[in-house]
Amino acid sequence: MINSKHHIAIPPGATIREQLRDIGISQKEFAVRMGFSEKHISRLINGDVLLTHEVAIKLERVLGIPASFWNNLEALYQDSKIRVAEENEMDEDKKIARQFPYNKMAKLGWVEDTRKPAERVNRLREFFEVVRLAIIGDLGLPVVAWRQKDTVGANKYALMVWVQKARLEARSIETAPLNIEKLKSIIPSLRQMTKEDPEEFFPRLQTELAECGVALVVLPHLDGSFLHGAALKEKDHILLGVTVRGKYADVFWFSFFHELAHIILGHIKSDELLTDEEIKAREEAADSFAEASLIPPEKFAAFREEQDFSEEAIIAFANLVDIDPGIVLGRLNSEKILPFDQLTHLKKQYLL
């Protein structure tokens, strides 16, 4: 017998046991009369095996109760088991659903807005393409190269949501086979886009990457994820996802080139498990790649030596290296040469 809050599933074996007690037959004798082993009869009575049509006919002969009765009893038992399991699974999933940023997802239009716990569970199941939320952990997140900041207390459920949405969005992007050499060759073209508005560069950016085998997806930041970007291997392409956390262009472009580095440097493998030290080394390598791709190291070193970080000097240097001034300012901020509250008007804000 199994049960949930509102359902109970009693196996036909409980009725068989009552009949045996009423007529005074032991299970051992009953097994002989039925032509089964004692072990099989024990499992039948406990509901561990199906009461088949063949067994129903034998029960009719031995106990004098029509086979249709036993068949109906088994059907009711199987139906009740499903209802018990579904209710228990729903109760478990309701607890899990509370961990997801459902209100934010609904606000973004990723799921239907509802306050009913059961409906939230079903919408989340549809979103993650699973029959139960409890199995998401068994599936595991794909091997992902993340760019996160302030990760202490990061919400893994927000990360799961962001990655799943990126994967869903990437399905509509047609890509060529991955071509690393071609990807490297378009970096100068990508740098040029930093000086343009998103409406101008984004369609070209997405197209150029798709021609190299990379599906670019840009999604809003989810509170608690502390996520700037991610890259992962899908079945037939590489997914590169970037958030617009903070909405500043310099953050967007650094995150973009950071994730691009993971692809170019061969860090994206679907079956790879890394130590914390290996992950740290790869993140540092991706940071170095992004810095060098955006601003040539030798030229930035010369710029630093001048010790002139005025607005005019920053703009002049940006023109020299052919990049948006806000990215130069962002680099000066990250290296603590200039505080984040100075010359902020040089930084563009994206509303992708």
Protein backbone atom coordinates (compact mmCIF):
# COMPACT_ATOMS: atom_id res chain seq x y z
CA MET A 1 0.00 0.00 0.00
CA ILE A 2 1.26 3.45 -0.90
CA ASN A 3 -0.39 6.77 -0.25
CA SER A 4 -0.23 10.55 -0.63
CA LYS A 5 -2.21 13.33 1.02
CA HIS A 6 -5.39 12.65 -0.93
CA HIS A 7 -4.92 9.22 -2.50
CA ILE A 8 -4.23 5.68 -1.38
CA ALA A 9 -3.28 2.72 -3.57
CA ILE A 10 -4.21 -0.69 -2.17
CA PRO A 11 -2.98 -3.68 -4.21
CA PRO A 12 -5.40 -6.48 -5.16
CA GLY A 13 -3.22 -8.69 -2.98
CA ALA A 14 -4.85 -7.17 0.10
CA THR A 15 -8.17 -8.65 -1.06
CA ILE A 16 -6.50 -11.98 -1.85
CA ARG A 17 -5.07 -12.06 1.69
CA GLU A 18 -8.55 -11.43 3.16
CA GLN A 19 -10.03 -14.23 1.04
CA LEU A 20 -7.35 -16.67 2.15
CA ARG A 21 -7.98 -15.75 5.79
CA ASP A 22 -11.73 -16.18 5.35
CA ILE A 23 -11.46 -19.64 3.81
CA GLY A 24 -8.53 -20.74 5.97
CA ILE A 25 -5.93 -21.40 3.29
CA SER A 26 -2.25 -20.63 3.89
CA GLN A 27 -0.18 -18.81 1.31
CA LYS A 28 1.89 -21.97 0.85
CA GLU A 29 -1.15 -24.06 0.03
CA PHE A 30 -2.59 -21.27 -2.11
CA ALA A 31 0.62 -21.17 -4.14
CA VAL A 32 0.30 -24.90 -4.86
CA ARG A 33 -3.36 -24.51 -5.87
CA MET A 34 -2.47 -21.58 -8.18
CA GLY A 35 0.50 -23.38 -9.74
CA PHE A 36 2.94 -20.62 -8.69
CA SER A 37 5.95 -20.49 -6.45
CA GLU A 38 5.40 -19.32 -2.89
CA LYS A 39 7.69 -16.37 -3.60
CA HIS A 40 5.58 -15.25 -6.56
CA ILE A 41 2.39 -15.46 -4.51
CA SER A 42 4.02 -13.39 -1.77
CA ARG A 43 4.97 -10.71 -4.32
CA LEU A 44 1.46 -10.80 -5.82
CA ILE A 45 -0.15 -10.27 -2.43
CA ASN A 46 2.24 -7.40 -1.62
CA GLY A 47 1.52 -5.71 -4.95
CA ASP A 48 5.06 -6.17 -6.26
CA VAL A 49 3.96 -7.88 -9.50
CA LEU A 50 1.07 -7.25 -11.87
CA LEU A 51 -2.09 -9.22 -11.51
CA THR A 52 -2.33 -10.32 -15.14
CA HIS A 53 -5.40 -11.61 -17.00
CA GLU A 54 -3.96 -15.12 -16.73
CA VAL A 55 -3.68 -14.77 -12.96
CA ALA A 56 -7.22 -13.32 -12.80
CA ILE A 57 -8.60 -16.45 -14.50
CA LYS A 58 -6.71 -18.70 -12.08
CA LEU A 59 -8.05 -16.69 -9.15
CA GLU A 60 -11.55 -17.20 -10.50
CA ARG A 61 -10.99 -20.95 -10.53
CA VAL A 62 -9.38 -21.16 -7.09
CA LEU A 63 -11.34 -18.52 -5.14
CA GLY A 64 -14.59 -18.51 -7.13
CA ILE A 65 -14.52 -14.74 -7.72
CA PRO A 66 -14.92 -13.62 -11.38
CA ALA A 67 -11.77 -12.72 -13.32
CA SER A 68 -13.36 -9.40 -14.27
CA PHE A 69 -13.37 -8.42 -10.58
CA TRP A 70 -9.64 -9.03 -10.27
CA ASN A 71 -8.88 -7.28 -13.54
CA ASN A 72 -10.84 -4.22 -12.41
CA LEU A 73 -9.15 -4.28 -9.03
CA GLU A 74 -5.71 -4.32 -10.68
CA ALA A 75 -6.68 -1.46 -13.03
CA LEU A 76 -7.87 0.63 -10.08
CA TYR A 77 -4.64 -0.13 -8.21
CA GLN A 78 -2.45 0.93 -11.12
CA ASP A 79 -4.49 4.10 -11.60
CA SER A 80 -4.26 4.90 -7.87
CA LYS A 81 -0.48 4.31 -7.88
CA ILE A 82 -0.09 6.87 -10.64
CA ARG A 83 -2.21 9.39 -8.76
CA VAL A 84 -0.26 8.83 -5.54
CA ALA A 85 3.06 9.19 -7.34
CA GLU A 86 1.93 12.32 -9.18
CA GLU A 87 0.71 13.98 -6.00
CA ASN A 88 3.90 13.13 -4.11
CA GLU A 89 6.02 14.32 -7.03
CA MET A 90 4.02 17.53 -7.21
CA ASP A 91 4.56 18.16 -3.49
CA GLU A 92 8.29 17.61 -3.92
CA ASP A 93 8.41 19.83 -7.00
CA LYS A 94 6.50 22.61 -5.25
CA LYS A 95 9.35 22.86 -2.75
CA ILE A 96 11.91 22.94 -5.56
CA ALA A 97 9.92 25.50 -7.55
CA ARG A 98 10.19 27.97 -4.69
CA GLN A 99 13.96 28.10 -5.29
CA PHE A 100 13.61 29.41 -8.85
CA PRO A 101 13.25 33.15 -9.63
CA TYR A 102 9.76 32.58 -11.02
CA ASN A 103 8.52 36.16 -10.66
CA LYS A 104 11.50 37.46 -12.64
CA MET A 105 11.03 34.77 -15.28
CA ALA A 106 7.38 35.73 -15.64
CA LYS A 107 8.25 39.43 -15.85
CA LEU A 108 10.64 38.64 -18.70
CA GLY A 109 7.98 36.56 -20.44
CA TRP A 110 9.90 33.30 -20.11
CA VAL A 111 7.04 31.56 -18.29
CA GLU A 112 3.34 32.27 -17.81
CA ASP A 113 2.61 34.45 -14.79
CA THR A 114 0.72 32.61 -12.06
CA ARG A 115 0.62 32.51 -8.28
CA LYS A 116 -0.69 28.94 -8.04
CA PRO A 117 2.10 26.59 -6.87
CA ALA A 118 0.98 23.65 -9.01
CA GLU A 119 0.75 25.81 -12.12
CA ARG A 120 4.23 27.19 -11.44
CA VAL A 121 5.55 23.66 -11.20
CA ASN A 122 3.99 22.71 -14.54
CA ARG A 123 5.27 25.85 -16.26
CA LEU A 124 8.78 25.17 -14.92
CA ARG A 125 8.58 21.56 -16.07
CA GLU A 126 7.70 22.78 -19.55
CA PHE A 127 10.49 25.36 -19.48
CA PHE A 128 13.12 22.79 -18.50
CA GLU A 129 11.54 20.07 -20.68
CA VAL A 130 11.31 17.53 -17.87
CA VAL A 131 8.47 15.54 -16.34
CA ARG A 132 9.66 16.42 -12.83
CA LEU A 133 11.75 19.28 -11.48
CA ALA A 134 13.43 16.83 -9.12
CA ILE A 135 15.30 15.20 -12.01
CA ILE A 136 16.98 18.42 -13.15
CA GLY A 137 19.73 17.76 -10.64
CA ASP A 138 20.16 14.24 -12.04
CA LEU A 139 20.56 15.65 -15.54
CA GLY A 140 23.17 18.09 -14.27
CA LEU A 141 24.15 21.37 -15.85
CA PRO A 142 26.09 21.10 -19.08
CA VAL A 143 29.80 21.80 -18.77
CA VAL A 144 29.81 25.58 -18.88
CA ALA A 145 32.54 28.19 -18.89
CA TRP A 146 31.15 30.99 -16.73
CA ARG A 147 32.17 34.56 -16.20
CA GLN A 148 30.82 35.47 -12.78
CA LYS A 149 31.66 38.09 -10.20
CA ASP A 150 30.91 38.06 -6.48
CA THR A 151 29.98 34.40 -6.63
CA VAL A 152 29.62 33.89 -2.88
CA GLY A 153 25.98 33.04 -2.37
CA ALA A 154 25.28 32.66 -6.09
CA ASN A 155 21.89 31.08 -6.75
CA LYS A 156 22.37 27.87 -8.74
CA TYR A 157 18.68 27.89 -9.64
CA ALA A 158 19.04 31.29 -11.32
CA LEU A 159 22.02 29.90 -13.24
CA MET A 160 19.98 26.87 -14.35
CA VAL A 161 17.23 29.15 -15.63
CA TRP A 162 19.64 31.41 -17.51
CA VAL A 163 21.44 28.52 -19.19
CA GLN A 164 18.20 26.78 -20.18
CA LYS A 165 16.78 29.98 -21.68
CA ALA A 166 20.01 30.53 -23.62
CA ARG A 167 19.84 26.99 -24.97
CA LEU A 168 16.21 27.44 -26.02
CA GLU A 169 17.01 30.72 -27.78
CA ALA A 170 20.04 29.25 -29.55
CA ARG A 171 17.92 26.58 -31.23
CA SER A 172 16.56 29.14 -33.66
CA ILE A 173 20.05 30.24 -34.76
CA GLU A 174 21.46 28.38 -37.75
CA THR A 175 25.21 27.95 -37.58
CA ALA A 176 27.97 26.59 -39.76
CA PRO A 177 30.36 23.96 -38.33
CA LEU A 178 32.74 25.33 -35.72
CA ASN A 179 35.76 27.00 -37.35
CA ILE A 180 38.28 28.28 -34.79
CA GLU A 181 40.66 29.77 -37.35
CA LYS A 182 37.87 31.75 -38.95
CA LEU A 183 36.76 32.86 -35.50
CA LYS A 184 40.24 34.20 -34.80
CA SER A 185 40.32 36.02 -38.13
CA ILE A 186 37.19 38.09 -37.42
CA ILE A 187 38.44 39.52 -34.10
CA PRO A 188 39.50 42.86 -35.72
CA SER A 189 36.00 43.14 -37.20
CA LEU A 190 34.47 42.44 -33.82
CA ARG A 191 36.57 45.14 -32.16
CA GLN A 192 35.28 47.68 -34.67
CA MET A 193 31.76 47.02 -33.48
CA THR A 194 32.55 48.42 -30.02
CA LYS A 195 32.23 51.91 -31.49
CA GLU A 196 28.74 51.28 -32.86
CA ASP A 197 25.29 51.21 -31.32
CA PRO A 198 23.78 47.78 -30.59
CA GLU A 199 21.08 48.24 -33.23
CA GLU A 200 23.84 48.51 -35.82
CA PHE A 201 26.33 45.90 -34.70
CA PHE A 202 24.28 43.15 -33.08
CA PRO A 203 22.76 41.57 -36.23
CA ARG A 204 26.22 41.53 -37.86
CA LEU A 205 27.84 40.20 -34.71
CA GLN A 206 25.39 37.34 -34.49
CA THR A 207 25.73 36.55 -38.20
CA GLU A 208 29.54 36.57 -38.22
CA LEU A 209 29.66 34.28 -35.22
CA ALA A 210 27.09 31.90 -36.71
CA GLU A 211 29.26 31.59 -39.81
CA CYS A 212 32.05 30.42 -37.47
CA GLY A 213 29.84 27.87 -35.71
CA VAL A 214 28.92 29.96 -32.67
CA ALA A 215 25.34 30.83 -31.66
CA LEU A 216 25.29 34.16 -29.83
CA VAL A 217 22.50 34.80 -27.33
CA VAL A 218 22.12 37.94 -25.21
CA LEU A 219 19.81 37.70 -22.22
CA PRO A 220 18.94 39.92 -19.25
CA HIS A 221 20.79 39.36 -16.02
CA LEU A 222 19.01 37.31 -13.37
CA ASP A 223 19.42 38.53 -9.80
CA GLY A 224 21.43 36.12 -7.73
CA SER A 225 23.29 34.55 -10.64
CA PHE A 226 26.11 37.14 -10.65
CA LEU A 227 26.53 36.07 -14.25
CA HIS A 228 28.19 38.09 -17.01
CA GLY A 229 28.46 35.39 -19.64
CA ALA A 230 28.74 31.69 -20.40
CA ALA A 231 29.85 29.36 -23.16
CA LEU A 232 28.97 25.71 -23.65
CA LYS A 233 29.03 23.00 -26.27
CA GLU A 234 25.71 21.97 -27.74
CA LYS A 235 25.01 19.13 -30.16
CA ASP A 236 25.89 20.95 -33.36
CA HIS A 237 27.29 24.31 -32.28
CA ILE A 238 28.90 26.32 -29.50
CA LEU A 239 26.58 28.54 -27.50
CA LEU A 240 28.00 31.89 -26.38
CA GLY A 241 25.71 33.72 -24.00
CA VAL A 242 26.22 37.21 -22.62
CA THR A 243 24.17 39.13 -20.08
CA VAL A 244 23.71 42.89 -19.97
CA ARG A 245 24.41 42.99 -16.27
CA GLY A 246 25.08 46.61 -15.36
CA LYS A 247 24.11 47.58 -18.92
CA TYR A 248 27.54 49.12 -19.59
CA ALA A 249 29.15 48.48 -22.96
CA ASP A 250 32.61 47.86 -21.52
CA VAL A 251 31.26 45.07 -19.32
CA PHE A 252 29.37 43.56 -22.27
CA TRP A 253 32.42 43.54 -24.54
CA PHE A 254 34.82 42.23 -21.93
CA SER A 255 32.38 39.43 -21.08
CA PHE A 256 31.93 38.69 -24.78
CA PHE A 257 35.66 38.40 -25.48
CA HIS A 258 36.14 36.43 -22.26
CA GLU A 259 33.66 33.79 -23.44
CA LEU A 260 35.11 33.92 -26.94
CA ALA A 261 38.46 33.09 -25.37
CA HIS A 262 37.08 29.92 -23.81
CA ILE A 263 35.99 28.81 -27.29
CA ILE A 264 39.21 29.74 -29.08
CA LEU A 265 41.44 28.34 -26.33
CA GLY A 266 39.64 25.00 -26.44
CA HIS A 267 38.07 25.20 -22.99
CA ILE A 268 34.62 24.07 -24.11
CA LYS A 269 34.35 20.30 -23.86
CA SER A 270 31.13 18.49 -23.02
CA ASP A 271 32.62 15.74 -20.84
CA GLU A 272 35.36 17.53 -18.93
CA LEU A 273 35.64 17.77 -15.15
CA LEU A 274 38.13 20.30 -13.78
CA THR A 275 39.64 21.06 -10.40
CA ASP A 276 39.16 24.48 -8.83
CA GLU A 277 42.76 25.33 -9.69
CA GLU A 278 42.24 24.38 -13.34
CA ILE A 279 39.05 26.44 -13.52
CA LYS A 280 40.86 29.43 -12.00
CA ALA A 281 43.70 29.09 -14.51
CA ARG A 282 41.27 29.01 -17.42
CA GLU A 283 39.38 32.03 -16.14
CA GLU A 284 42.63 33.96 -15.82
CA ALA A 285 43.63 32.91 -19.34
CA ALA A 286 40.27 34.07 -20.69
CA ASP A 287 40.62 37.41 -18.87
CA SER A 288 44.08 37.92 -20.39
CA PHE A 289 42.77 37.04 -23.85
CA ALA A 290 39.89 39.51 -23.51
CA GLU A 291 42.19 42.30 -22.32
CA ALA A 292 44.67 41.73 -25.16
CA SER A 293 41.94 41.42 -27.80
CA LEU A 294 40.32 44.69 -26.81
CA ILE A 295 43.44 46.76 -26.12
CA PRO A 296 46.92 45.80 -27.42
CA PRO A 297 49.04 45.18 -24.29
CA GLU A 298 52.13 47.07 -25.45
CA LYS A 299 50.12 50.14 -26.39
CA PHE A 300 48.24 50.10 -23.10
CA ALA A 301 51.53 49.81 -21.21
CA ALA A 302 52.84 52.89 -23.04
CA PHE A 303 49.61 54.74 -22.28
CA ARG A 304 49.95 53.95 -18.58
CA GLU A 305 53.51 55.22 -18.52
CA GLU A 306 52.33 58.64 -19.73
CA GLN A 307 50.29 58.97 -16.51
CA ASP A 308 47.78 61.21 -18.24
CA PHE A 309 44.30 59.82 -17.67
CA SER A 310 42.29 62.91 -18.52
CA GLU A 311 39.18 62.65 -20.67
CA GLU A 312 41.08 64.03 -23.65
CA ALA A 313 43.92 61.53 -23.20
CA ILE A 314 41.53 58.60 -22.90
CA ILE A 315 39.66 59.57 -26.05
CA ALA A 316 42.92 60.12 -27.95
CA PHE A 317 44.22 56.69 -26.89
CA ALA A 318 40.91 55.05 -27.79
CA ASN A 319 41.15 56.57 -31.27
CA LEU A 320 44.73 55.35 -31.52
CA VAL A 321 43.80 51.74 -30.81
CA ASP A 322 40.50 52.11 -32.71
CA ILE A 323 38.12 51.22 -29.87
CA ASP A 324 35.34 52.83 -27.87
CA PRO A 325 36.64 55.20 -25.13
CA GLY A 326 34.35 53.60 -22.56
CA ILE A 327 36.28 50.35 -22.90
CA VAL A 328 39.54 52.15 -22.15
CA LEU A 329 37.91 53.76 -19.12
CA GLY A 330 36.59 50.37 -18.01
CA ARG A 331 40.11 48.95 -18.16
CA LEU A 332 41.42 51.86 -16.06
CA ASN A 333 38.62 51.19 -13.56
CA SER A 334 39.36 47.47 -13.34
CA GLU A 335 43.05 48.17 -12.71
CA LYS A 336 42.10 50.76 -10.07
CA ILE A 337 43.85 53.55 -11.92
CA LEU A 338 40.66 55.60 -11.98
CA PRO A 339 37.67 55.24 -9.63
CA PHE A 340 34.39 54.02 -11.07
CA ASP A 341 32.63 57.32 -10.40
CA GLN A 342 34.87 59.40 -12.71
CA LEU A 343 34.15 60.20 -16.37
CA THR A 344 31.18 57.84 -16.36
CA HIS A 345 29.67 59.76 -19.29
CA LEU A 346 32.28 58.10 -21.51
CA LYS A 347 30.63 54.74 -20.96
CA LYS A 348 27.80 53.68 -23.22
CA GLN A 349 24.83 51.82 -21.80
CA TYR A 350 23.22 48.98 -23.75
CA LEU A 351 19.58 48.02 -23.61
CA LEU A 352 19.88 44.79 -25.56
